[in-house]
Amino acid sequence: MKEGIVLQKQIGLILVSAVLLSSCAEHRLVVQRPNPDGEQSIVHSNAFLLPRGQPRNVAQCQTNLIDEVRVKTNFGQSLVSVLTLGFYQPTTIEYYCAKIPSDEGSTDE
């Protein structure tokens, strides 16, 4: 009898762990010809279901060039979104700035 309860607890723990570890999402947008080594800027965005629209998030790149954008959602952010029925959706956005490209054929860095 005790073995059955222990087995049920272990299965429950495995299921809870699987849910907690698998509920992250990441979307990546990368340019066709990347030019990495720029600065990284992390923005925490909070989208509300409001009639006036969503707030704007602006990347702070000195070069005005973006190399990659990553939009991430973790378990806590997903849980908040579900509990509020989608009225509040927190997300983390990472911008990777590109360095200024050199002239073609130039040896300048």
N, C-alpha and C. Protein backbone atom coordinates (compact mmCIF):
# COMPACT_ATOMS: atom_id res chain seq x y z
N MET A 1 0.81 -1.20 0.00
CA MET A 1 0.00 0.00 0.00
C MET A 1 0.86 1.26 0.00
N LYS A 2 1.90 1.27 0.85
CA LYS A 2 2.78 2.44 0.92
C LYS A 2 3.55 2.62 -0.39
N GLU A 3 3.89 1.49 -1.02
CA GLU A 3 4.64 1.56 -2.27
C GLU A 3 3.83 2.27 -3.35
N GLY A 4 2.52 2.05 -3.38
CA GLY A 4 1.64 2.70 -4.35
C GLY A 4 1.58 4.20 -4.13
N ILE A 5 1.54 4.63 -2.87
CA ILE A 5 1.49 6.07 -2.56
C ILE A 5 2.81 6.72 -2.94
N VAL A 6 3.92 6.05 -2.64
CA VAL A 6 5.24 6.59 -2.99
C VAL A 6 5.37 6.71 -4.50
N LEU A 7 4.89 5.69 -5.22
CA LEU A 7 4.95 5.72 -6.69
C LEU A 7 4.10 6.86 -7.25
N GLN A 8 2.92 7.08 -6.69
CA GLN A 8 2.06 8.17 -7.13
C GLN A 8 2.72 9.53 -6.88
N LYS A 9 3.38 9.68 -5.74
CA LYS A 9 4.08 10.93 -5.42
C LYS A 9 5.23 11.17 -6.40
N GLN A 10 5.96 10.10 -6.72
CA GLN A 10 7.08 10.22 -7.66
C GLN A 10 6.58 10.61 -9.05
N ILE A 11 5.50 9.98 -9.49
CA ILE A 11 4.92 10.31 -10.80
C ILE A 11 4.42 11.75 -10.80
N GLY A 12 3.77 12.15 -9.71
CA GLY A 12 3.30 13.53 -9.60
C GLY A 12 4.45 14.52 -9.64
N LEU A 13 5.54 14.22 -8.95
CA LEU A 13 6.72 15.09 -8.94
C LEU A 13 7.33 15.18 -10.33
N ILE A 14 7.40 14.06 -11.03
CA ILE A 14 7.93 14.06 -12.40
C ILE A 14 7.06 14.90 -13.32
N LEU A 15 5.75 14.77 -13.22
CA LEU A 15 4.84 15.56 -14.06
C LEU A 15 4.95 17.05 -13.77
N VAL A 16 5.00 17.42 -12.49
CA VAL A 16 5.13 18.84 -12.13
C VAL A 16 6.46 19.39 -12.63
N SER A 17 7.53 18.61 -12.47
CA SER A 17 8.85 19.05 -12.96
C SER A 17 8.84 19.22 -14.48
N ALA A 18 8.21 18.31 -15.18
CA ALA A 18 8.15 18.40 -16.64
C ALA A 18 7.39 19.65 -17.07
N VAL A 19 6.31 19.97 -16.39
CA VAL A 19 5.54 21.16 -16.73
C VAL A 19 6.35 22.42 -16.46
N LEU A 20 7.04 22.47 -15.30
CA LEU A 20 7.82 23.65 -14.95
C LEU A 20 9.00 23.86 -15.88
N LEU A 21 9.63 22.78 -16.32
CA LEU A 21 10.81 22.90 -17.16
C LEU A 21 10.49 23.10 -18.63
N SER A 22 9.30 22.71 -19.06
CA SER A 22 9.00 22.75 -20.48
C SER A 22 8.14 23.94 -20.89
N SER A 23 7.85 24.83 -20.00
CA SER A 23 6.90 25.89 -20.33
C SER A 23 7.58 27.21 -20.69
N CYS A 24 8.74 27.16 -21.24
CA CYS A 24 9.42 28.35 -21.71
C CYS A 24 9.30 28.42 -23.23
N ALA A 25 9.24 29.64 -23.75
CA ALA A 25 9.16 29.81 -25.20
C ALA A 25 10.16 30.88 -25.61
N GLU A 26 10.75 30.70 -26.77
CA GLU A 26 11.69 31.69 -27.30
C GLU A 26 11.48 31.80 -28.80
N HIS A 27 11.37 33.02 -29.29
CA HIS A 27 11.27 33.30 -30.72
C HIS A 27 12.48 34.14 -31.10
N ARG A 28 13.10 33.80 -32.23
CA ARG A 28 14.30 34.53 -32.68
C ARG A 28 14.07 35.11 -34.07
N LEU A 29 14.51 36.32 -34.25
CA LEU A 29 14.51 36.96 -35.55
C LEU A 29 15.95 37.38 -35.83
N VAL A 30 16.53 36.82 -36.90
CA VAL A 30 17.92 37.09 -37.23
C VAL A 30 17.98 37.63 -38.65
N VAL A 31 18.86 38.60 -38.87
CA VAL A 31 19.00 39.16 -40.22
C VAL A 31 19.72 38.16 -41.12
N GLN A 32 19.59 38.38 -42.43
CA GLN A 32 20.15 37.42 -43.39
C GLN A 32 21.67 37.36 -43.32
N ARG A 33 22.31 38.51 -43.21
CA ARG A 33 23.77 38.56 -43.10
C ARG A 33 24.14 39.17 -41.76
N PRO A 34 24.29 38.34 -40.71
CA PRO A 34 24.53 38.89 -39.38
C PRO A 34 25.86 39.62 -39.28
N ASN A 35 25.88 40.63 -38.44
CA ASN A 35 27.07 41.42 -38.17
C ASN A 35 27.15 41.57 -36.65
N PRO A 36 27.49 40.49 -35.94
CA PRO A 36 27.38 40.49 -34.49
C PRO A 36 28.43 41.35 -33.79
N ASP A 37 28.58 41.12 -32.53
CA ASP A 37 29.54 41.81 -31.65
C ASP A 37 29.05 43.18 -31.23
N GLY A 38 27.78 43.46 -31.37
CA GLY A 38 27.23 44.73 -30.89
C GLY A 38 26.76 44.61 -29.46
N GLU A 39 26.13 45.65 -28.97
CA GLU A 39 25.64 45.68 -27.60
C GLU A 39 24.35 44.87 -27.48
N GLN A 40 24.05 44.47 -26.25
CA GLN A 40 22.81 43.76 -25.97
C GLN A 40 21.92 44.65 -25.11
N SER A 41 20.65 44.71 -25.44
CA SER A 41 19.69 45.50 -24.68
C SER A 41 18.51 44.59 -24.32
N ILE A 42 18.19 44.50 -23.02
CA ILE A 42 17.08 43.67 -22.56
C ILE A 42 15.95 44.56 -22.10
N VAL A 43 14.75 44.30 -22.61
CA VAL A 43 13.55 45.07 -22.27
C VAL A 43 12.50 44.11 -21.72
N HIS A 44 11.89 44.48 -20.62
CA HIS A 44 10.79 43.69 -20.06
C HIS A 44 9.50 44.37 -20.49
N SER A 45 8.76 43.70 -21.34
CA SER A 45 7.54 44.26 -21.91
C SER A 45 6.32 43.69 -21.19
N ASN A 46 5.34 44.54 -20.98
CA ASN A 46 4.09 44.14 -20.36
C ASN A 46 2.95 44.54 -21.27
N ALA A 47 2.36 43.58 -21.95
CA ALA A 47 1.27 43.87 -22.86
C ALA A 47 -0.06 43.75 -22.11
N PHE A 48 -0.86 44.79 -22.18
CA PHE A 48 -2.18 44.78 -21.57
C PHE A 48 -3.22 44.77 -22.68
N LEU A 49 -4.33 44.13 -22.44
CA LEU A 49 -5.42 44.12 -23.41
C LEU A 49 -6.21 45.41 -23.22
N LEU A 50 -5.75 46.46 -23.88
CA LEU A 50 -6.37 47.77 -23.76
C LEU A 50 -6.77 48.27 -25.14
N PRO A 51 -7.82 49.06 -25.24
CA PRO A 51 -8.24 49.56 -26.55
C PRO A 51 -7.27 50.57 -27.16
N ARG A 52 -6.41 51.19 -26.36
CA ARG A 52 -5.51 52.21 -26.89
C ARG A 52 -4.24 51.64 -27.51
N GLY A 53 -4.08 50.33 -27.51
CA GLY A 53 -2.92 49.72 -28.16
C GLY A 53 -1.84 49.35 -27.16
N GLN A 54 -0.79 48.78 -27.68
CA GLN A 54 0.31 48.30 -26.85
C GLN A 54 1.39 49.36 -26.75
N PRO A 55 2.13 49.38 -25.62
CA PRO A 55 3.24 50.31 -25.50
C PRO A 55 4.37 49.93 -26.46
N ARG A 56 5.13 50.94 -26.88
CA ARG A 56 6.25 50.68 -27.79
C ARG A 56 7.50 50.42 -26.98
N ASN A 57 8.30 49.48 -27.46
CA ASN A 57 9.61 49.20 -26.88
C ASN A 57 10.65 49.56 -27.93
N VAL A 58 11.60 50.39 -27.54
CA VAL A 58 12.60 50.89 -28.49
C VAL A 58 13.97 50.33 -28.11
N ALA A 59 14.65 49.75 -29.08
CA ALA A 59 16.01 49.27 -28.86
C ALA A 59 16.95 50.46 -28.78
N GLN A 60 17.85 50.42 -27.83
CA GLN A 60 18.80 51.51 -27.64
C GLN A 60 20.14 51.14 -28.29
N CYS A 61 20.18 51.15 -29.61
CA CYS A 61 21.40 50.83 -30.36
C CYS A 61 22.03 52.13 -30.86
N GLN A 62 23.31 52.31 -30.57
CA GLN A 62 24.00 53.51 -31.04
C GLN A 62 24.11 53.55 -32.55
N THR A 63 24.16 52.39 -33.18
CA THR A 63 24.32 52.33 -34.63
C THR A 63 22.98 52.32 -35.37
N ASN A 64 21.86 52.20 -34.66
CA ASN A 64 20.53 52.05 -35.26
C ASN A 64 20.44 50.81 -36.15
N LEU A 65 21.28 49.83 -35.90
CA LEU A 65 21.28 48.57 -36.64
C LEU A 65 21.03 47.43 -35.66
N ILE A 66 20.08 46.56 -35.99
CA ILE A 66 19.77 45.43 -35.13
C ILE A 66 20.22 44.15 -35.83
N ASP A 67 20.91 43.29 -35.09
CA ASP A 67 21.41 42.04 -35.63
C ASP A 67 20.46 40.89 -35.32
N GLU A 68 19.89 40.89 -34.11
CA GLU A 68 19.03 39.78 -33.71
C GLU A 68 18.04 40.27 -32.64
N VAL A 69 16.84 39.69 -32.65
CA VAL A 69 15.83 39.97 -31.64
C VAL A 69 15.34 38.64 -31.10
N ARG A 70 15.30 38.52 -29.77
CA ARG A 70 14.79 37.31 -29.11
C ARG A 70 13.64 37.71 -28.20
N VAL A 71 12.52 37.03 -28.33
CA VAL A 71 11.36 37.26 -27.47
C VAL A 71 11.19 36.00 -26.63
N LYS A 72 11.29 36.16 -25.31
CA LYS A 72 11.27 35.01 -24.41
C LYS A 72 10.11 35.11 -23.43
N THR A 73 9.55 33.97 -23.10
CA THR A 73 8.51 33.86 -22.08
C THR A 73 8.86 32.68 -21.20
N ASN A 74 8.90 32.89 -19.88
CA ASN A 74 9.19 31.80 -18.96
C ASN A 74 7.91 31.28 -18.32
N PHE A 75 8.04 30.31 -17.43
CA PHE A 75 6.87 29.69 -16.82
C PHE A 75 6.04 30.70 -16.02
N GLY A 76 6.70 31.52 -15.23
CA GLY A 76 5.98 32.51 -14.42
C GLY A 76 5.19 33.49 -15.28
N GLN A 77 5.80 33.96 -16.37
CA GLN A 77 5.13 34.89 -17.27
C GLN A 77 3.94 34.21 -17.94
N SER A 78 4.10 32.96 -18.33
CA SER A 78 2.99 32.23 -18.95
C SER A 78 1.86 32.00 -17.95
N LEU A 79 2.22 31.70 -16.72
CA LEU A 79 1.22 31.47 -15.68
C LEU A 79 0.41 32.74 -15.41
N VAL A 80 1.09 33.89 -15.33
CA VAL A 80 0.40 35.16 -15.13
C VAL A 80 -0.55 35.44 -16.29
N SER A 81 -0.11 35.16 -17.49
CA SER A 81 -0.94 35.37 -18.67
C SER A 81 -2.20 34.49 -18.63
N VAL A 82 -2.03 33.24 -18.21
CA VAL A 82 -3.18 32.33 -18.13
C VAL A 82 -4.12 32.75 -17.01
N LEU A 83 -3.57 33.10 -15.85
CA LEU A 83 -4.40 33.48 -14.71
C LEU A 83 -5.20 34.76 -14.95
N THR A 84 -4.67 35.66 -15.77
CA THR A 84 -5.39 36.90 -16.08
C THR A 84 -6.20 36.78 -17.37
N LEU A 85 -6.31 35.55 -17.88
CA LEU A 85 -7.06 35.27 -19.12
C LEU A 85 -6.54 36.08 -20.31
N GLY A 86 -5.25 36.35 -20.33
CA GLY A 86 -4.64 37.06 -21.45
C GLY A 86 -4.73 38.57 -21.38
N PHE A 87 -5.29 39.12 -20.31
CA PHE A 87 -5.38 40.58 -20.20
C PHE A 87 -4.02 41.20 -19.90
N TYR A 88 -3.12 40.44 -19.28
CA TYR A 88 -1.78 40.91 -18.96
C TYR A 88 -0.79 39.85 -19.43
N GLN A 89 0.15 40.24 -20.30
CA GLN A 89 1.08 39.29 -20.88
C GLN A 89 2.52 39.81 -20.76
N PRO A 90 3.23 39.43 -19.70
CA PRO A 90 4.62 39.86 -19.57
C PRO A 90 5.54 39.05 -20.49
N THR A 91 6.54 39.70 -21.03
CA THR A 91 7.49 39.08 -21.95
C THR A 91 8.85 39.75 -21.79
N THR A 92 9.91 39.02 -22.09
CA THR A 92 11.26 39.58 -22.10
C THR A 92 11.73 39.65 -23.54
N ILE A 93 12.20 40.83 -23.96
CA ILE A 93 12.68 41.03 -25.33
C ILE A 93 14.16 41.39 -25.27
N GLU A 94 14.98 40.66 -26.01
CA GLU A 94 16.42 40.94 -26.08
C GLU A 94 16.76 41.43 -27.48
N TYR A 95 17.38 42.60 -27.57
CA TYR A 95 17.85 43.15 -28.83
C TYR A 95 19.37 43.02 -28.86
N TYR A 96 19.90 42.53 -29.95
CA TYR A 96 21.33 42.49 -30.15
C TYR A 96 21.67 43.46 -31.26
N CYS A 97 22.40 44.50 -30.94
CA CYS A 97 22.76 45.52 -31.92
C CYS A 97 23.89 45.02 -32.81
N ALA A 98 23.90 45.48 -34.04
CA ALA A 98 24.96 45.13 -34.97
C ALA A 98 26.02 46.23 -34.95
N LYS A 99 27.24 45.85 -35.24
CA LYS A 99 28.28 46.87 -35.33
C LYS A 99 28.20 47.53 -36.70
N ILE A 100 28.78 48.68 -36.82
CA ILE A 100 28.74 49.43 -38.07
C ILE A 100 29.54 48.66 -39.13
N PRO A 101 28.92 48.36 -40.28
CA PRO A 101 29.66 47.62 -41.31
C PRO A 101 30.74 48.49 -41.93
N SER A 102 31.85 47.86 -42.24
CA SER A 102 32.94 48.59 -42.92
C SER A 102 32.66 48.58 -44.41
N ASP A 103 33.32 49.47 -45.13
CA ASP A 103 33.16 49.51 -46.58
C ASP A 103 33.65 48.21 -47.20
N GLU A 104 32.99 47.77 -48.26
CA GLU A 104 33.38 46.53 -48.91
C GLU A 104 34.78 46.65 -49.46
N GLY A 105 35.60 45.66 -49.18
CA GLY A 105 36.96 45.65 -49.65
C GLY A 105 37.90 46.42 -48.75
N SER A 106 37.41 47.00 -47.67
CA SER A 106 38.25 47.78 -46.76
C SER A 106 38.89 46.84 -45.72
N THR A 107 40.03 47.21 -45.22
CA THR A 107 40.67 46.45 -44.17
C THR A 107 40.47 47.09 -42.81
N ASP A 108 39.70 48.17 -42.76
CA ASP A 108 39.42 48.85 -41.49
C ASP A 108 38.52 47.98 -40.63
N GLU A 109 38.70 48.06 -39.34
CA GLU A 109 37.85 47.32 -38.39
C GLU A 109 36.74 48.20 -37.92
